[in-house]
């Protein structure tokens, strides 16, 4: 995880949402490729997709592992971008790469900064690794 990945997400957000609110995601693949994606908003909110979904699907289609993931949002054109941690659904999507993936999260001391954490620190008790599900994942 590095600033280049964060900058790629910001660039995609600006390209897709030049004014107003918006966001985007960027991921590193196991071969060093950066993929970016934006969210999908539908009149039916149940059909909406997170900013990260497109990049995760593309990584899976390419047969590559996601090694780092970042999501950025801004609330308005003049607002700075903020790093947001993955939602529960995106954590489930990242779980297929849980052994190798790092995730950007906001710094608890200074929201203008970010840090990178391994999946295991974000989800230390991942449900599918429970002894109750041994052999099912």
N, C-alpha and C. Protein backbone atom coordinates (compact mmCIF):
# COMPACT_ATOMS: atom_id res chain seq x y z
N UNK A 1 0.85 -1.17 0.00
CA UNK A 1 0.00 0.00 0.00
C UNK A 1 0.90 1.23 0.00
N UNK A 2 0.59 2.17 -0.87
CA UNK A 2 1.39 3.38 -0.91
C UNK A 2 0.56 4.56 -1.41
N UNK A 3 1.17 5.73 -1.41
CA UNK A 3 0.47 6.95 -1.82
C UNK A 3 0.06 6.88 -3.30
N UNK A 4 0.82 6.17 -4.13
CA UNK A 4 0.47 6.05 -5.55
C UNK A 4 -0.91 5.42 -5.72
N UNK A 5 -1.23 4.44 -4.89
CA UNK A 5 -2.53 3.79 -4.97
C UNK A 5 -3.64 4.76 -4.54
N UNK A 6 -3.40 5.49 -3.48
CA UNK A 6 -4.36 6.50 -3.02
C UNK A 6 -4.56 7.56 -4.11
N UNK A 7 -3.47 8.00 -4.72
CA UNK A 7 -3.55 9.01 -5.78
C UNK A 7 -4.32 8.49 -6.99
N UNK A 8 -4.17 7.21 -7.31
CA UNK A 8 -4.92 6.62 -8.43
C UNK A 8 -6.42 6.65 -8.14
N UNK A 9 -6.79 6.36 -6.91
CA UNK A 9 -8.21 6.41 -6.54
C UNK A 9 -8.74 7.84 -6.63
N UNK A 10 -7.96 8.80 -6.14
CA UNK A 10 -8.38 10.20 -6.21
C UNK A 10 -8.53 10.66 -7.67
N UNK A 11 -7.58 10.28 -8.52
CA UNK A 11 -7.64 10.67 -9.93
C UNK A 11 -8.88 10.09 -10.60
N UNK A 12 -9.21 8.84 -10.28
CA UNK A 12 -10.42 8.23 -10.85
C UNK A 12 -11.67 8.95 -10.36
N UNK A 13 -11.69 9.31 -9.08
CA UNK A 13 -12.84 10.03 -8.52
C UNK A 13 -13.03 11.38 -9.22
N UNK A 14 -11.94 12.10 -9.41
CA UNK A 14 -12.02 13.41 -10.07
C UNK A 14 -12.47 13.26 -11.52
N UNK A 15 -11.95 12.24 -12.21
CA UNK A 15 -12.34 12.01 -13.60
C UNK A 15 -13.82 11.65 -13.72
N UNK A 16 -14.30 10.86 -12.79
CA UNK A 16 -15.69 10.41 -12.85
C UNK A 16 -16.68 11.40 -12.26
N UNK A 17 -16.23 12.14 -11.26
CA UNK A 17 -17.09 13.10 -10.56
C UNK A 17 -16.35 14.43 -10.44
N UNK A 18 -16.23 15.19 -11.56
CA UNK A 18 -15.42 16.41 -11.54
C UNK A 18 -15.95 17.49 -10.59
N UNK A 19 -17.22 17.42 -10.25
CA UNK A 19 -17.76 18.39 -9.30
C UNK A 19 -18.68 17.67 -8.34
N UNK A 20 -18.88 18.29 -7.20
CA UNK A 20 -19.79 17.71 -6.21
C UNK A 20 -19.17 16.55 -5.46
N UNK A 21 -20.06 15.74 -4.90
CA UNK A 21 -19.57 14.59 -4.14
C UNK A 21 -19.21 13.45 -5.08
N UNK A 22 -18.39 12.56 -4.57
CA UNK A 22 -18.01 11.40 -5.37
C UNK A 22 -16.89 10.64 -4.71
N UNK A 23 -16.53 9.56 -5.32
CA UNK A 23 -15.46 8.74 -4.78
C UNK A 23 -15.03 7.70 -5.79
N UNK A 24 -14.05 6.93 -5.39
CA UNK A 24 -13.53 5.86 -6.24
C UNK A 24 -12.68 4.94 -5.38
N UNK A 25 -12.29 3.85 -5.99
CA UNK A 25 -11.41 2.90 -5.32
C UNK A 25 -10.26 2.55 -6.25
N UNK A 26 -9.19 2.07 -5.65
CA UNK A 26 -8.05 1.56 -6.42
C UNK A 26 -7.51 0.34 -5.69
N UNK A 27 -7.05 -0.61 -6.47
CA UNK A 27 -6.45 -1.82 -5.89
C UNK A 27 -5.15 -2.12 -6.62
N UNK A 28 -4.23 -2.70 -5.88
CA UNK A 28 -3.05 -3.30 -6.49
C UNK A 28 -3.35 -4.77 -6.70
N UNK A 29 -2.93 -5.29 -7.85
CA UNK A 29 -3.00 -6.71 -8.10
C UNK A 29 -1.66 -7.35 -7.78
N UNK A 30 -1.64 -8.65 -7.72
CA UNK A 30 -0.43 -9.39 -7.38
C UNK A 30 0.72 -9.13 -8.34
N UNK A 31 0.43 -8.69 -9.56
CA UNK A 31 1.50 -8.38 -10.52
C UNK A 31 1.87 -6.90 -10.53
N UNK A 32 1.31 -6.10 -9.59
CA UNK A 32 1.63 -4.68 -9.50
C UNK A 32 0.71 -3.77 -10.29
N UNK A 33 -0.19 -4.33 -11.07
CA UNK A 33 -1.16 -3.55 -11.83
C UNK A 33 -2.09 -2.82 -10.87
N UNK A 34 -2.45 -1.59 -11.23
CA UNK A 34 -3.46 -0.84 -10.48
C UNK A 34 -4.76 -0.86 -11.28
N UNK A 35 -5.83 -1.25 -10.62
CA UNK A 35 -7.18 -1.15 -11.18
C UNK A 35 -7.94 -0.11 -10.37
N UNK A 36 -8.78 0.67 -11.03
CA UNK A 36 -9.64 1.63 -10.33
C UNK A 36 -11.09 1.34 -10.69
N UNK A 37 -11.98 1.81 -9.85
CA UNK A 37 -13.40 1.65 -10.13
C UNK A 37 -14.21 2.69 -9.39
N UNK A 38 -15.44 2.85 -9.84
CA UNK A 38 -16.37 3.78 -9.21
C UNK A 38 -17.64 3.01 -8.85
N UNK A 39 -18.46 3.63 -8.04
CA UNK A 39 -19.71 2.99 -7.64
C UNK A 39 -20.76 3.09 -8.71
N UNK A 40 -21.83 2.35 -8.49
CA UNK A 40 -22.96 2.33 -9.40
C UNK A 40 -24.19 2.68 -8.59
N UNK A 41 -24.84 3.77 -8.97
CA UNK A 41 -26.05 4.17 -8.27
C UNK A 41 -27.25 3.99 -9.18
N UNK A 42 -28.24 3.36 -8.65
CA UNK A 42 -29.45 3.03 -9.39
C UNK A 42 -30.64 3.69 -8.70
N UNK A 43 -31.72 3.92 -9.42
CA UNK A 43 -32.92 4.42 -8.75
C UNK A 43 -33.39 3.48 -7.63
N UNK A 44 -33.10 2.20 -7.79
CA UNK A 44 -33.42 1.21 -6.76
C UNK A 44 -32.16 1.04 -5.91
N UNK A 45 -32.15 1.59 -4.71
CA UNK A 45 -30.95 1.58 -3.88
C UNK A 45 -30.41 0.18 -3.61
N UNK A 46 -31.25 -0.82 -3.66
CA UNK A 46 -30.78 -2.19 -3.43
C UNK A 46 -29.82 -2.65 -4.53
N UNK A 47 -29.85 -1.98 -5.67
CA UNK A 47 -28.99 -2.35 -6.80
C UNK A 47 -27.68 -1.57 -6.82
N UNK A 48 -27.50 -0.64 -5.90
CA UNK A 48 -26.26 0.15 -5.87
C UNK A 48 -25.06 -0.73 -5.54
N UNK A 49 -23.89 -0.32 -6.03
CA UNK A 49 -22.65 -1.04 -5.76
C UNK A 49 -21.62 -0.10 -5.16
N UNK A 50 -20.82 -0.62 -4.26
CA UNK A 50 -19.74 0.14 -3.64
C UNK A 50 -18.69 0.53 -4.68
N UNK A 51 -17.90 1.54 -4.37
CA UNK A 51 -16.84 1.99 -5.27
C UNK A 51 -15.85 0.87 -5.61
N UNK A 52 -15.59 -0.02 -4.67
CA UNK A 52 -14.57 -1.05 -4.83
C UNK A 52 -15.01 -2.23 -5.71
N UNK A 53 -16.29 -2.44 -5.84
CA UNK A 53 -16.81 -3.66 -6.46
C UNK A 53 -16.26 -3.92 -7.85
N UNK A 54 -16.23 -2.91 -8.70
CA UNK A 54 -15.75 -3.09 -10.07
C UNK A 54 -14.31 -3.59 -10.12
N UNK A 55 -13.44 -3.00 -9.29
CA UNK A 55 -12.04 -3.42 -9.28
C UNK A 55 -11.90 -4.85 -8.76
N UNK A 56 -12.66 -5.20 -7.74
CA UNK A 56 -12.60 -6.56 -7.21
C UNK A 56 -13.07 -7.57 -8.25
N UNK A 57 -14.15 -7.26 -8.95
CA UNK A 57 -14.66 -8.16 -9.99
C UNK A 57 -13.65 -8.31 -11.13
N UNK A 58 -13.03 -7.21 -11.52
CA UNK A 58 -12.04 -7.27 -12.60
C UNK A 58 -10.82 -8.08 -12.18
N UNK A 59 -10.36 -7.92 -10.95
CA UNK A 59 -9.23 -8.73 -10.45
C UNK A 59 -9.59 -10.20 -10.52
N UNK A 60 -10.77 -10.54 -10.07
CA UNK A 60 -11.22 -11.94 -10.09
C UNK A 60 -11.30 -12.46 -11.52
N UNK A 61 -11.82 -11.64 -12.43
CA UNK A 61 -11.93 -12.03 -13.84
C UNK A 61 -10.54 -12.30 -14.43
N UNK A 62 -9.56 -11.48 -14.04
CA UNK A 62 -8.20 -11.64 -14.55
C UNK A 62 -7.44 -12.78 -13.87
N UNK A 63 -8.01 -13.33 -12.80
CA UNK A 63 -7.33 -14.40 -12.08
C UNK A 63 -6.16 -13.91 -11.25
N UNK A 64 -6.22 -12.64 -10.82
CA UNK A 64 -5.14 -12.04 -10.03
C UNK A 64 -5.63 -11.79 -8.61
N UNK A 65 -4.71 -11.82 -7.68
CA UNK A 65 -5.04 -11.51 -6.28
C UNK A 65 -4.98 -10.01 -6.06
N UNK A 66 -5.89 -9.50 -5.25
CA UNK A 66 -5.82 -8.12 -4.78
C UNK A 66 -4.86 -8.12 -3.60
N UNK A 67 -3.85 -7.26 -3.65
CA UNK A 67 -2.88 -7.19 -2.56
C UNK A 67 -3.04 -5.93 -1.72
N UNK A 68 -3.74 -4.92 -2.26
CA UNK A 68 -3.99 -3.69 -1.50
C UNK A 68 -5.25 -3.04 -2.06
N UNK A 69 -6.02 -2.40 -1.18
CA UNK A 69 -7.28 -1.78 -1.57
C UNK A 69 -7.47 -0.47 -0.81
N UNK A 70 -7.93 0.54 -1.55
CA UNK A 70 -8.22 1.84 -0.93
C UNK A 70 -9.49 2.41 -1.54
N UNK A 71 -10.26 3.08 -0.73
CA UNK A 71 -11.48 3.76 -1.18
C UNK A 71 -11.43 5.20 -0.67
N UNK A 72 -11.71 6.15 -1.57
CA UNK A 72 -11.72 7.57 -1.20
C UNK A 72 -13.08 8.18 -1.52
N UNK A 73 -13.48 9.13 -0.71
CA UNK A 73 -14.71 9.88 -0.96
C UNK A 73 -14.48 11.36 -0.65
N UNK A 74 -15.31 12.18 -1.25
CA UNK A 74 -15.36 13.59 -0.87
C UNK A 74 -16.83 14.00 -0.89
N UNK A 75 -17.16 14.93 -0.03
CA UNK A 75 -18.56 15.34 0.11
C UNK A 75 -18.93 16.51 -0.79
N UNK A 76 -17.95 17.15 -1.40
CA UNK A 76 -18.20 18.27 -2.31
C UNK A 76 -16.93 18.63 -3.04
N UNK A 77 -17.08 19.40 -4.12
CA UNK A 77 -15.94 19.76 -4.97
C UNK A 77 -14.79 20.40 -4.20
N UNK A 78 -15.11 21.18 -3.21
CA UNK A 78 -14.08 21.89 -2.45
C UNK A 78 -13.61 21.12 -1.22
N UNK A 79 -14.20 19.98 -0.98
CA UNK A 79 -13.84 19.18 0.19
C UNK A 79 -12.64 18.29 -0.13
N UNK A 80 -11.79 18.02 0.87
CA UNK A 80 -10.69 17.09 0.63
C UNK A 80 -11.21 15.65 0.57
N UNK A 81 -10.44 14.80 -0.07
CA UNK A 81 -10.79 13.39 -0.09
C UNK A 81 -10.48 12.77 1.26
N UNK A 82 -11.28 11.82 1.64
CA UNK A 82 -11.06 11.06 2.88
C UNK A 82 -10.94 9.59 2.52
N UNK A 83 -10.12 8.90 3.24
CA UNK A 83 -10.01 7.44 3.11
C UNK A 83 -11.14 6.84 3.95
N UNK A 84 -11.87 5.90 3.37
CA UNK A 84 -12.90 5.21 4.13
C UNK A 84 -12.59 3.71 4.14
N UNK A 85 -12.80 3.07 5.27
CA UNK A 85 -12.55 1.63 5.33
C UNK A 85 -13.63 0.88 4.57
N UNK A 86 -13.36 -0.35 4.20
CA UNK A 86 -14.37 -1.12 3.47
C UNK A 86 -15.58 -1.44 4.36
N UNK A 87 -16.74 -1.44 3.74
CA UNK A 87 -17.95 -1.84 4.46
C UNK A 87 -17.91 -3.34 4.67
N UNK A 88 -18.88 -3.85 5.37
CA UNK A 88 -18.94 -5.28 5.65
C UNK A 88 -19.03 -6.14 4.39
N UNK A 89 -19.78 -5.68 3.40
CA UNK A 89 -19.90 -6.43 2.15
C UNK A 89 -18.56 -6.46 1.43
N UNK A 90 -17.86 -5.32 1.39
CA UNK A 90 -16.55 -5.30 0.73
C UNK A 90 -15.53 -6.13 1.50
N UNK A 91 -15.64 -6.19 2.82
CA UNK A 91 -14.77 -7.09 3.57
C UNK A 91 -15.02 -8.54 3.16
N UNK A 92 -16.27 -8.89 2.92
CA UNK A 92 -16.57 -10.24 2.45
C UNK A 92 -15.95 -10.48 1.08
N UNK A 93 -15.99 -9.46 0.22
CA UNK A 93 -15.38 -9.60 -1.10
C UNK A 93 -13.87 -9.75 -0.98
N UNK A 94 -13.26 -8.98 -0.09
CA UNK A 94 -11.81 -9.06 0.11
C UNK A 94 -11.38 -10.36 0.76
N UNK A 95 -12.28 -11.03 1.43
CA UNK A 95 -11.93 -12.25 2.16
C UNK A 95 -11.36 -13.33 1.25
N UNK A 96 -11.67 -13.30 -0.03
CA UNK A 96 -11.11 -14.34 -0.90
C UNK A 96 -9.60 -14.17 -1.05
N UNK A 97 -9.09 -12.98 -0.74
CA UNK A 97 -7.64 -12.73 -0.80
C UNK A 97 -7.07 -12.45 0.58
N UNK A 98 -7.77 -12.85 1.62
CA UNK A 98 -7.45 -12.43 2.99
C UNK A 98 -6.02 -12.69 3.43
N UNK A 99 -5.35 -13.66 2.86
CA UNK A 99 -3.98 -13.96 3.28
C UNK A 99 -3.00 -12.89 2.83
N UNK A 100 -3.34 -12.16 1.77
CA UNK A 100 -2.35 -11.25 1.19
C UNK A 100 -2.78 -9.79 1.10
N UNK A 101 -4.01 -9.46 1.46
CA UNK A 101 -4.50 -8.12 1.18
C UNK A 101 -4.29 -7.15 2.34
N UNK A 102 -3.86 -5.93 1.97
CA UNK A 102 -3.74 -4.79 2.88
C UNK A 102 -4.85 -3.81 2.54
N UNK A 103 -5.37 -3.13 3.55
CA UNK A 103 -6.48 -2.21 3.34
C UNK A 103 -6.14 -0.86 3.95
N UNK A 104 -6.42 0.21 3.20
CA UNK A 104 -6.22 1.56 3.73
C UNK A 104 -7.39 1.92 4.64
N UNK A 105 -7.06 2.47 5.80
CA UNK A 105 -8.05 2.93 6.76
C UNK A 105 -7.62 4.31 7.26
N UNK A 106 -8.57 5.12 7.72
CA UNK A 106 -8.18 6.43 8.25
C UNK A 106 -7.38 6.27 9.54
N UNK A 107 -6.45 7.17 9.73
CA UNK A 107 -5.66 7.20 10.96
C UNK A 107 -6.57 7.68 12.10
N UNK A 108 -6.56 6.99 13.20
CA UNK A 108 -7.44 7.35 14.33
C UNK A 108 -7.05 8.68 14.96
N UNK A 109 -5.79 9.05 14.88
CA UNK A 109 -5.30 10.29 15.48
C UNK A 109 -5.53 11.51 14.59
N UNK A 110 -5.45 11.32 13.27
CA UNK A 110 -5.53 12.44 12.33
C UNK A 110 -6.27 11.96 11.08
N UNK A 111 -7.51 12.38 10.91
CA UNK A 111 -8.34 11.89 9.81
C UNK A 111 -7.83 12.30 8.44
N UNK A 112 -6.87 13.23 8.39
CA UNK A 112 -6.29 13.61 7.10
C UNK A 112 -5.21 12.63 6.67
N UNK A 113 -4.84 11.73 7.58
CA UNK A 113 -3.82 10.73 7.28
C UNK A 113 -4.48 9.35 7.18
N UNK A 114 -3.72 8.40 6.69
CA UNK A 114 -4.23 7.04 6.57
C UNK A 114 -3.13 6.06 6.96
N UNK A 115 -3.55 4.84 7.17
CA UNK A 115 -2.60 3.77 7.44
C UNK A 115 -3.07 2.52 6.71
N UNK A 116 -2.20 1.57 6.60
CA UNK A 116 -2.51 0.31 5.93
C UNK A 116 -2.53 -0.80 6.96
N UNK A 117 -3.57 -1.61 6.92
CA UNK A 117 -3.68 -2.74 7.84
C UNK A 117 -3.94 -4.02 7.05
N UNK A 118 -3.38 -5.13 7.51
CA UNK A 118 -3.71 -6.40 6.86
C UNK A 118 -5.15 -6.81 7.18
N UNK A 119 -5.74 -7.55 6.28
CA UNK A 119 -7.12 -8.02 6.46
C UNK A 119 -7.30 -8.63 7.85
N UNK A 120 -6.34 -9.40 8.29
CA UNK A 120 -6.44 -10.09 9.59
C UNK A 120 -6.60 -9.13 10.76
N UNK A 121 -6.07 -7.91 10.64
CA UNK A 121 -6.24 -6.95 11.73
C UNK A 121 -7.60 -6.27 11.67
N UNK A 122 -8.17 -6.18 10.49
CA UNK A 122 -9.50 -5.59 10.34
C UNK A 122 -10.57 -6.60 10.70
N UNK A 123 -10.36 -7.84 10.32
CA UNK A 123 -11.30 -8.93 10.58
C UNK A 123 -10.58 -10.07 11.30
N UNK A 124 -10.17 -9.87 12.55
CA UNK A 124 -9.39 -10.92 13.22
C UNK A 124 -10.17 -12.21 13.48
N UNK A 125 -11.47 -12.11 13.53
CA UNK A 125 -12.29 -13.30 13.78
C UNK A 125 -13.22 -13.52 12.59
N UNK A 126 -12.62 -13.67 11.42
CA UNK A 126 -13.42 -13.85 10.22
C UNK A 126 -14.33 -15.07 10.39
N UNK A 127 -15.60 -14.87 10.18
CA UNK A 127 -16.62 -15.87 10.49
C UNK A 127 -16.38 -17.21 9.80
N UNK A 128 -15.90 -17.20 8.56
CA UNK A 128 -15.76 -18.44 7.81
C UNK A 128 -14.60 -19.30 8.30
N UNK A 129 -13.77 -18.74 9.18
CA UNK A 129 -12.66 -19.51 9.75
C UNK A 129 -13.00 -20.07 11.12
N UNK A 130 -14.22 -19.91 11.54
CA UNK A 130 -14.67 -20.46 12.81
C UNK A 130 -14.64 -21.98 12.76
N UNK A 131 -14.29 -22.63 13.86
CA UNK A 131 -14.32 -24.09 13.88
C UNK A 131 -15.67 -24.67 13.49
N UNK A 132 -16.73 -23.91 13.70
CA UNK A 132 -18.06 -24.40 13.33
C UNK A 132 -18.19 -24.62 11.82
N UNK A 133 -17.35 -23.91 11.04
CA UNK A 133 -17.41 -24.03 9.59
C UNK A 133 -16.18 -24.74 9.02
N UNK A 134 -15.44 -25.43 9.82
CA UNK A 134 -14.20 -26.11 9.38
C UNK A 134 -14.48 -26.96 8.14
N UNK A 135 -13.67 -26.72 7.14
CA UNK A 135 -13.80 -27.47 5.90
C UNK A 135 -14.82 -26.95 4.93
N UNK A 136 -15.58 -25.90 5.32
CA UNK A 136 -16.62 -25.36 4.44
C UNK A 136 -16.16 -24.21 3.57
N UNK A 137 -14.96 -23.66 3.82
CA UNK A 137 -14.55 -22.49 3.03
C UNK A 137 -13.46 -22.83 2.05
